[in-house]
Amino acid sequence: MKKMIMLATVAALGLGVAACDSGAENAAESQAQDVRESSEAAADKIEAGPGGDVADDKADAVREAGDAKADKMEDAADKKDAGTPE
């Protein structure tokens, strides 16, 4: 029974370590989050001004563009990190 618990613990720890991101990937993800937050703030500013539905559409486009850029940044970091030996 103790062996089974020990093996389960070691396996769980091994999976946890394998899932860790590198420092470079974490930095890229942080930059991607900054892009998201910046585009969200810009979209909020657009919505707060005059313009009605046109402003809402523009704000939505700004959010979508920011999300798309951030997603590309994260994907690039994931691909780069996947090729880096641990």
PDB file of N, CA and C in Angstrom:
ATOM      1  N   MET A   1       0.825  -1.178   0.000  1.00  0.00           N
ATOM      2  CA  MET A   1       0.000   0.000   0.000  1.00  0.00           C
ATOM      3  C   MET A   1       0.876   1.251   0.000  1.00  0.00           C
ATOM      4  N   LYS A   2       1.947   1.231   0.791  1.00  0.00           N
ATOM      5  CA  LYS A   2       2.836   2.387   0.841  1.00  0.00           C
ATOM      6  C   LYS A   2       3.510   2.614  -0.509  1.00  0.00           C
ATOM      7  N   LYS A   3       3.852   1.525  -1.196  1.00  0.00           N
ATOM      8  CA  LYS A   3       4.475   1.656  -2.518  1.00  0.00           C
ATOM      9  C   LYS A   3       3.506   2.312  -3.498  1.00  0.00           C
ATOM     10  N   MET A   4       2.242   1.922  -3.431  1.00  0.00           N
ATOM     11  CA  MET A   4       1.253   2.468  -4.348  1.00  0.00           C
ATOM     12  C   MET A   4       1.075   3.974  -4.102  1.00  0.00           C
ATOM     13  N   ILE A   5       1.033   4.373  -2.864  1.00  0.00           N
ATOM     14  CA  ILE A   5       0.905   5.789  -2.529  1.00  0.00           C
ATOM     15  C   ILE A   5       2.144   6.544  -2.986  1.00  0.00           C
ATOM     16  N   MET A   6       3.306   5.961  -2.770  1.00  0.00           N
ATOM     17  CA  MET A   6       4.560   6.585  -3.182  1.00  0.00           C
ATOM     18  C   MET A   6       4.595   6.757  -4.704  1.00  0.00           C
ATOM     19  N   LEU A   7       4.209   5.727  -5.456  1.00  0.00           N
ATOM     20  CA  LEU A   7       4.202   5.811  -6.916  1.00  0.00           C
ATOM     21  C   LEU A   7       3.210   6.855  -7.405  1.00  0.00           C
ATOM     22  N   ALA A   8       2.052   6.919  -6.787  1.00  0.00           N
ATOM     23  CA  ALA A   8       1.051   7.908  -7.182  1.00  0.00           C
ATOM     24  C   ALA A   8       1.562   9.323  -6.917  1.00  0.00           C
ATOM     25  N   THR A   9       2.238   9.515  -5.799  1.00  0.00           N
ATOM     26  CA  THR A   9       2.788  10.822  -5.459  1.00  0.00           C
ATOM     27  C   THR A   9       3.874  11.232  -6.436  1.00  0.00           C
ATOM     28  N   VAL A  10       4.763  10.320  -6.739  1.00  0.00           N
ATOM     29  CA  VAL A  10       5.848  10.602  -7.679  1.00  0.00           C
ATOM     30  C   VAL A  10       5.279  10.907  -9.070  1.00  0.00           C
ATOM     31  N   ALA A  11       4.286  10.160  -9.493  1.00  0.00           N
ATOM     32  CA  ALA A  11       3.672  10.399 -10.800  1.00  0.00           C
ATOM     33  C   ALA A  11       3.012  11.771 -10.846  1.00  0.00           C
ATOM     34  N   ALA A  12       2.314  12.137  -9.797  1.00  0.00           N
ATOM     35  CA  ALA A  12       1.651  13.443  -9.751  1.00  0.00           C
ATOM     36  C   ALA A  12       2.684  14.570  -9.772  1.00  0.00           C
ATOM     37  N   LEU A  13       3.753  14.425  -9.042  1.00  0.00           N
ATOM     38  CA  LEU A  13       4.803  15.441  -9.038  1.00  0.00           C
ATOM     39  C   LEU A  13       5.468  15.540 -10.399  1.00  0.00           C
ATOM     40  N   GLY A  14       5.676  14.416 -11.043  1.00  0.00           N
ATOM     41  CA  GLY A  14       6.283  14.411 -12.375  1.00  0.00           C
ATOM     42  C   GLY A  14       5.424  15.146 -13.388  1.00  0.00           C
ATOM     43  N   LEU A  15       4.129  14.945 -13.327  1.00  0.00           N
ATOM     44  CA  LEU A  15       3.224  15.643 -14.239  1.00  0.00           C
ATOM     45  C   LEU A  15       3.213  17.138 -13.949  1.00  0.00           C
ATOM     46  N   GLY A  16       3.291  17.503 -12.698  1.00  0.00           N
ATOM     47  CA  GLY A  16       3.311  18.918 -12.331  1.00  0.00           C
ATOM     48  C   GLY A  16       4.551  19.615 -12.847  1.00  0.00           C
ATOM     49  N   VAL A  17       5.689  18.983 -12.752  1.00  0.00           N
ATOM     50  CA  VAL A  17       6.937  19.575 -13.236  1.00  0.00           C
ATOM     51  C   VAL A  17       6.922  19.671 -14.754  1.00  0.00           C
ATOM     52  N   ALA A  18       6.391  18.697 -15.434  1.00  0.00           N
ATOM     53  CA  ALA A  18       6.342  18.711 -16.895  1.00  0.00           C
ATOM     54  C   ALA A  18       5.457  19.830 -17.414  1.00  0.00           C
ATOM     55  N   ALA A  19       4.481  20.243 -16.634  1.00  0.00           N
ATOM     56  CA  ALA A  19       3.556  21.281 -17.071  1.00  0.00           C
ATOM     57  C   ALA A  19       4.064  22.686 -16.784  1.00  0.00           C
ATOM     58  N   CYS A  20       5.181  22.835 -16.101  1.00  0.00           N
ATOM     59  CA  CYS A  20       5.698  24.157 -15.755  1.00  0.00           C
ATOM     60  C   CYS A  20       6.168  24.899 -16.997  1.00  0.00           C
ATOM     61  N   ASP A  21       5.911  26.197 -17.020  1.00  0.00           N
ATOM     62  CA  ASP A  21       6.364  27.049 -18.112  1.00  0.00           C
ATOM     63  C   ASP A  21       7.766  27.553 -17.802  1.00  0.00           C
ATOM     64  N   SER A  22       8.498  27.872 -18.852  1.00  0.00           N
ATOM     65  CA  SER A  22       9.820  28.455 -18.661  1.00  0.00           C
ATOM     66  C   SER A  22       9.662  29.924 -18.298  1.00  0.00           C
ATOM     67  N   GLY A  23      10.723  30.518 -17.851  1.00  0.00           N
ATOM     68  CA  GLY A  23      10.707  31.941 -17.527  1.00  0.00           C
ATOM     69  C   GLY A  23      10.384  32.787 -18.745  1.00  0.00           C
ATOM     70  N   ALA A  24      10.921  32.400 -19.896  1.00  0.00           N
ATOM     71  CA  ALA A  24      10.663  33.142 -21.131  1.00  0.00           C
ATOM     72  C   ALA A  24       9.188  33.049 -21.514  1.00  0.00           C
ATOM     73  N   GLU A  25       8.602  31.867 -21.341  1.00  0.00           N
ATOM     74  CA  GLU A  25       7.186  31.717 -21.668  1.00  0.00           C
ATOM     75  C   GLU A  25       6.326  32.532 -20.714  1.00  0.00           C
ATOM     76  N   ASN A  26       6.676  32.521 -19.444  1.00  0.00           N
ATOM     77  CA  ASN A  26       5.931  33.328 -18.474  1.00  0.00           C
ATOM     78  C   ASN A  26       6.018  34.812 -18.805  1.00  0.00           C
ATOM     79  N   ALA A  27       7.196  35.278 -19.230  1.00  0.00           N
ATOM     80  CA  ALA A  27       7.367  36.683 -19.601  1.00  0.00           C
ATOM     81  C   ALA A  27       6.522  37.026 -20.825  1.00  0.00           C
ATOM     82  N   ALA A  28       6.507  36.133 -21.807  1.00  0.00           N
ATOM     83  CA  ALA A  28       5.702  36.361 -23.011  1.00  0.00           C
ATOM     84  C   ALA A  28       4.217  36.382 -22.668  1.00  0.00           C
ATOM     85  N   GLU A  29       3.789  35.505 -21.785  1.00  0.00           N
ATOM     86  CA  GLU A  29       2.389  35.490 -21.378  1.00  0.00           C
ATOM     87  C   GLU A  29       2.032  36.750 -20.600  1.00  0.00           C
ATOM     88  N   SER A  30       2.965  37.260 -19.820  1.00  0.00           N
ATOM     89  CA  SER A  30       2.743  38.514 -19.107  1.00  0.00           C
ATOM     90  C   SER A  30       2.593  39.671 -20.090  1.00  0.00           C
ATOM     91  N   GLN A  31       3.421  39.684 -21.128  1.00  0.00           N
ATOM     92  CA  GLN A  31       3.314  40.718 -22.155  1.00  0.00           C
ATOM     93  C   GLN A  31       1.979  40.597 -22.894  1.00  0.00           C
ATOM     94  N   ALA A  32       1.556  39.384 -23.162  1.00  0.00           N
ATOM     95  CA  ALA A  32       0.272  39.164 -23.828  1.00  0.00           C
ATOM     96  C   ALA A  32      -0.870  39.680 -22.953  1.00  0.00           C
ATOM     97  N   GLN A  33      -0.771  39.463 -21.654  1.00  0.00           N
ATOM     98  CA  GLN A  33      -1.796  39.969 -20.732  1.00  0.00           C
ATOM     99  C   GLN A  33      -1.802  41.496 -20.729  1.00  0.00           C
ATOM    100  N   ASP A  34      -0.617  42.103 -20.822  1.00  0.00           N
ATOM    101  CA  ASP A  34      -0.536  43.563 -20.907  1.00  0.00           C
ATOM    102  C   ASP A  34      -1.237  44.077 -22.162  1.00  0.00           C
ATOM    103  N   VAL A  35      -1.073  43.367 -23.274  1.00  0.00           N
ATOM    104  CA  VAL A  35      -1.743  43.743 -24.526  1.00  0.00           C
ATOM    105  C   VAL A  35      -3.261  43.665 -24.337  1.00  0.00           C
ATOM    106  N   ARG A  36      -3.720  42.587 -23.721  1.00  0.00           N
ATOM    107  CA  ARG A  36      -5.164  42.438 -23.481  1.00  0.00           C
ATOM    108  C   ARG A  36      -5.702  43.579 -22.618  1.00  0.00           C
ATOM    109  N   GLU A  37      -4.994  43.881 -21.546  1.00  0.00           N
ATOM    110  CA  GLU A  37      -5.444  44.936 -20.638  1.00  0.00           C
ATOM    111  C   GLU A  37      -5.425  46.304 -21.316  1.00  0.00           C
ATOM    112  N   SER A  38      -4.417  46.550 -22.136  1.00  0.00           N
ATOM    113  CA  SER A  38      -4.318  47.814 -22.856  1.00  0.00           C
ATOM    114  C   SER A  38      -5.460  47.976 -23.850  1.00  0.00           C
ATOM    115  N   SER A  39      -5.752  46.917 -24.596  1.00  0.00           N
ATOM    116  CA  SER A  39      -6.846  47.009 -25.568  1.00  0.00           C
ATOM    117  C   SER A  39      -8.190  47.123 -24.861  1.00  0.00           C
ATOM    118  N   GLU A  40      -8.326  46.480 -23.726  1.00  0.00           N
ATOM    119  CA  GLU A  40      -9.568  46.595 -22.944  1.00  0.00           C
ATOM    120  C   GLU A  40      -9.759  48.033 -22.450  1.00  0.00           C
ATOM    121  N   ALA A  41      -8.679  48.643 -21.969  1.00  0.00           N
ATOM    122  CA  ALA A  41      -8.762  50.025 -21.506  1.00  0.00           C
ATOM    123  C   ALA A  41      -9.104  50.974 -22.660  1.00  0.00           C
ATOM    124  N   ALA A  42      -8.496  50.744 -23.815  1.00  0.00           N
ATOM    125  CA  ALA A  42      -8.797  51.573 -24.983  1.00  0.00           C
ATOM    126  C   ALA A  42     -10.255  51.402 -25.402  1.00  0.00           C
ATOM    127  N   ALA A  43     -10.745  50.178 -25.375  1.00  0.00           N
ATOM    128  CA  ALA A  43     -12.140  49.914 -25.743  1.00  0.00           C
ATOM    129  C   ALA A  43     -13.096  50.573 -24.753  1.00  0.00           C
ATOM    130  N   ASP A  44     -12.773  50.507 -23.482  1.00  0.00           N
ATOM    131  CA  ASP A  44     -13.605  51.157 -22.468  1.00  0.00           C
ATOM    132  C   ASP A  44     -13.663  52.667 -22.698  1.00  0.00           C
ATOM    133  N   LYS A  45     -12.535  53.252 -23.064  1.00  0.00           N
ATOM    134  CA  LYS A  45     -12.474  54.692 -23.323  1.00  0.00           C
ATOM    135  C   LYS A  45     -13.335  55.050 -24.535  1.00  0.00           C
ATOM    136  N   ILE A  46     -13.295  54.225 -25.565  1.00  0.00           N
ATOM    137  CA  ILE A  46     -14.118  54.456 -26.758  1.00  0.00           C
ATOM    138  C   ILE A  46     -15.603  54.398 -26.384  1.00  0.00           C
ATOM    139  N   GLU A  47     -15.965  53.402 -25.598  1.00  0.00           N
ATOM    140  CA  GLU A  47     -17.366  53.249 -25.196  1.00  0.00           C
ATOM    141  C   GLU A  47     -17.844  54.392 -24.313  1.00  0.00           C
ATOM    142  N   ALA A  48     -16.951  54.962 -23.531  1.00  0.00           N
ATOM    143  CA  ALA A  48     -17.328  56.041 -22.621  1.00  0.00           C
ATOM    144  C   ALA A  48     -17.593  57.347 -23.368  1.00  0.00           C
ATOM    145  N   GLY A  49     -17.058  57.471 -24.562  1.00  0.00           N
ATOM    146  CA  GLY A  49     -17.253  58.680 -25.347  1.00  0.00           C
ATOM    147  C   GLY A  49     -18.541  58.626 -26.145  1.00  0.00           C
ATOM    148  N   PRO A  50     -18.767  59.673 -26.927  1.00  0.00           N
ATOM    149  CA  PRO A  50     -19.972  59.689 -27.765  1.00  0.00           C
ATOM    150  C   PRO A  50     -19.835  58.715 -28.932  1.00  0.00           C
ATOM    151  N   GLY A  51     -20.930  58.374 -29.540  1.00  0.00           N
ATOM    152  CA  GLY A  51     -20.844  57.539 -30.739  1.00  0.00           C
ATOM    153  C   GLY A  51     -21.855  56.435 -30.802  1.00  0.00           C
ATOM    154  N   GLY A  52     -22.493  56.107 -29.693  1.00  0.00           N
ATOM    155  CA  GLY A  52     -23.545  55.094 -29.698  1.00  0.00           C
ATOM    156  C   GLY A  52     -23.087  53.749 -30.222  1.00  0.00           C
ATOM    157  N   ASP A  53     -23.867  53.187 -31.138  1.00  0.00           N
ATOM    158  CA  ASP A  53     -23.596  51.847 -31.657  1.00  0.00           C
ATOM    159  C   ASP A  53     -22.281  51.779 -32.434  1.00  0.00           C
ATOM    160  N   VAL A  54     -21.929  52.869 -33.122  1.00  0.00           N
ATOM    161  CA  VAL A  54     -20.671  52.900 -33.877  1.00  0.00           C
ATOM    162  C   VAL A  54     -19.496  52.768 -32.912  1.00  0.00           C
ATOM    163  N   ALA A  55     -19.571  53.475 -31.790  1.00  0.00           N
ATOM    164  CA  ALA A  55     -18.506  53.393 -30.785  1.00  0.00           C
ATOM    165  C   ALA A  55     -18.439  51.989 -30.193  1.00  0.00           C
ATOM    166  N   ASP A  56     -19.590  51.392 -29.953  1.00  0.00           N
ATOM    167  CA  ASP A  56     -19.608  50.030 -29.405  1.00  0.00           C
ATOM    168  C   ASP A  56     -18.965  49.047 -30.380  1.00  0.00           C
ATOM    169  N   ASP A  57     -19.276  49.205 -31.661  1.00  0.00           N
ATOM    170  CA  ASP A  57     -18.685  48.326 -32.674  1.00  0.00           C
ATOM    171  C   ASP A  57     -17.171  48.513 -32.743  1.00  0.00           C
ATOM    172  N   LYS A  58     -16.734  49.768 -32.672  1.00  0.00           N
ATOM    173  CA  LYS A  58     -15.297  50.046 -32.714  1.00  0.00           C
ATOM    174  C   LYS A  58     -14.610  49.470 -31.472  1.00  0.00           C
ATOM    175  N   ALA A  59     -15.243  49.624 -30.320  1.00  0.00           N
ATOM    176  CA  ALA A  59     -14.686  49.081 -29.079  1.00  0.00           C
ATOM    177  C   ALA A  59     -14.563  47.562 -29.160  1.00  0.00           C
ATOM    178  N   ASP A  60     -15.586  46.918 -29.713  1.00  0.00           N
ATOM    179  CA  ASP A  60     -15.538  45.461 -29.880  1.00  0.00           C
ATOM    180  C   ASP A  60     -14.382  45.057 -30.798  1.00  0.00           C
ATOM    181  N   ALA A  61     -14.177  45.835 -31.858  1.00  0.00           N
ATOM    182  CA  ALA A  61     -13.087  45.537 -32.795  1.00  0.00           C
ATOM    183  C   ALA A  61     -11.732  45.694 -32.114  1.00  0.00           C
ATOM    184  N   VAL A  62     -11.600  46.713 -31.261  1.00  0.00           N
ATOM    185  CA  VAL A  62     -10.340  46.927 -30.530  1.00  0.00           C
ATOM    186  C   VAL A  62     -10.078  45.755 -29.590  1.00  0.00           C
ATOM    187  N   ARG A  63     -11.105  45.316 -28.890  1.00  0.00           N
ATOM    188  CA  ARG A  63     -10.953  44.158 -27.980  1.00  0.00           C
ATOM    189  C   ARG A  63     -10.545  42.906 -28.759  1.00  0.00           C
ATOM    190  N   GLU A  64     -11.228  42.657 -29.867  1.00  0.00           N
ATOM    191  CA  GLU A  64     -10.933  41.461 -30.662  1.00  0.00           C
ATOM    192  C   GLU A  64      -9.512  41.501 -31.215  1.00  0.00           C
ATOM    193  N   ALA A  65      -9.077  42.680 -31.672  1.00  0.00           N
ATOM    194  CA  ALA A  65      -7.715  42.803 -32.199  1.00  0.00           C
ATOM    195  C   ALA A  65      -6.689  42.573 -31.088  1.00  0.00           C
ATOM    196  N   GLY A  66      -6.955  43.114 -29.915  1.00  0.00           N
ATOM    197  CA  GLY A  66      -6.049  42.913 -28.781  1.00  0.00           C
ATOM    198  C   GLY A  66      -5.975  41.460 -28.367  1.00  0.00           C
ATOM    199  N   ASP A  67      -7.120  40.800 -28.323  1.00  0.00           N
ATOM    200  CA  ASP A  67      -7.144  39.378 -27.977  1.00  0.00           C
ATOM    201  C   ASP A  67      -6.412  38.544 -29.018  1.00  0.00           C
ATOM    202  N   ALA A  68      -6.618  38.865 -30.292  1.00  0.00           N
ATOM    203  CA  ALA A  68      -5.952  38.109 -31.363  1.00  0.00           C
ATOM    204  C   ALA A  68      -4.438  38.268 -31.271  1.00  0.00           C
ATOM    205  N   LYS A  69      -3.986  39.498 -31.019  1.00  0.00           N
ATOM    206  CA  LYS A  69      -2.545  39.742 -30.898  1.00  0.00           C
ATOM    207  C   LYS A  69      -1.978  38.998 -29.689  1.00  0.00           C
ATOM    208  N   ALA A  70      -2.681  39.065 -28.567  1.00  0.00           N
ATOM    209  CA  ALA A  70      -2.224  38.382 -27.354  1.00  0.00           C
ATOM    210  C   ALA A  70      -2.198  36.868 -27.565  1.00  0.00           C
ATOM    211  N   ASP A  71      -3.206  36.332 -28.242  1.00  0.00           N
ATOM    212  CA  ASP A  71      -3.237  34.888 -28.519  1.00  0.00           C
ATOM    213  C   ASP A  71      -2.043  34.469 -29.368  1.00  0.00           C
ATOM    214  N   LYS A  72      -1.708  35.271 -30.375  1.00  0.00           N
ATOM    215  CA  LYS A  72      -0.546  34.958 -31.218  1.00  0.00           C
ATOM    216  C   LYS A  72       0.740  34.986 -30.399  1.00  0.00           C
ATOM    217  N   MET A  73       0.838  35.965 -29.502  1.00  0.00           N
ATOM    218  CA  MET A  73       2.029  36.047 -28.647  1.00  0.00           C
ATOM    219  C   MET A  73       2.154  34.802 -27.779  1.00  0.00           C
ATOM    220  N   GLU A  74       1.037  34.371 -27.186  1.00  0.00           N
ATOM    221  CA  GLU A  74       1.058  33.186 -26.329  1.00  0.00           C
ATOM    222  C   GLU A  74       1.351  31.920 -27.127  1.00  0.00           C
ATOM    223  N   ASP A  75       0.769  31.817 -28.311  1.00  0.00           N
ATOM    224  CA  ASP A  75       1.029  30.649 -29.157  1.00  0.00           C
ATOM    225  C   ASP A  75       2.499  30.574 -29.540  1.00  0.00           C
ATOM    226  N   ALA A  76       3.079  31.715 -29.892  1.00  0.00           N
ATOM    227  CA  ALA A  76       4.503  31.744 -30.258  1.00  0.00           C
ATOM    228  C   ALA A  76       5.365  31.336 -29.072  1.00  0.00           C
ATOM    229  N   ALA A  77       5.008  31.798 -27.885  1.00  0.00           N
ATOM    230  CA  ALA A  77       5.770  31.436 -26.686  1.00  0.00           C
ATOM    231  C   ALA A  77       5.640  29.950 -26.392  1.00  0.00           C
ATOM    232  N   ASP A  78       4.437  29.401 -26.576  1.00  0.00           N
ATOM    233  CA  ASP A  78       4.224  27.972 -26.345  1.00  0.00           C
ATOM    234  C   ASP A  78       5.061  27.139 -27.312  1.00  0.00           C
ATOM    235  N   LYS A  79       5.075  27.537 -28.585  1.00  0.00           N
ATOM    236  CA  LYS A  79       5.836  26.798 -29.589  1.00  0.00           C
ATOM    237  C   LYS A  79       7.328  26.888 -29.313  1.00  0.00           C
ATOM    238  N   LYS A  80       7.791  28.075 -28.941  1.00  0.00           N
ATOM    239  CA  LYS A  80       9.202  28.266 -28.652  1.00  0.00           C
ATOM    240  C   LYS A  80       9.603  27.445 -27.427  1.00  0.00           C
ATOM    241  N   ASP A  81       8.731  27.472 -26.396  1.00  0.00           N
ATOM    242  CA  ASP A  81       9.027  26.747 -25.172  1.00  0.00           C
ATOM    243  C   ASP A  81       8.977  25.235 -25.392  1.00  0.00           C
ATOM    244  N   ALA A  82       8.104  24.777 -26.287  1.00  0.00           N
ATOM    245  CA  ALA A  82       7.989  23.342 -26.553  1.00  0.00           C
ATOM    246  C   ALA A  82       9.269  22.799 -27.169  1.00  0.00           C
ATOM    247  N   GLY A  83       9.995  23.645 -27.893  1.00  0.00           N
ATOM    248  CA  GLY A  83      11.240  23.208 -28.511  1.00  0.00           C
ATOM    249  C   GLY A  83      12.447  23.322 -27.613  1.00  0.00           C
ATOM    250  N   THR A  84      12.253  23.881 -26.416  1.00  0.00           N
ATOM    251  CA  THR A  84      13.348  24.071 -25.475  1.00  0.00           C
ATOM    252  C   THR A  84      13.428  22.906 -24.524  1.00  0.00           C
ATOM    253  N   PRO A  85      14.562  22.192 -24.468  1.00  0.00           N
ATOM    254  CA  PRO A  85      14.683  21.087 -23.516  1.00  0.00           C
ATOM    255  C   PRO A  85      14.722  21.615 -22.083  1.00  0.00           C
ATOM    256  N   GLU A  86      14.145  20.861 -21.175  1.00  0.00           N
ATOM    257  CA  GLU A  86      14.076  21.282 -19.773  1.00  0.00           C
ATOM    258  C   GLU A  86      15.322  20.885 -19.025  1.00  0.00           C
TER     259      GLU A  86
END
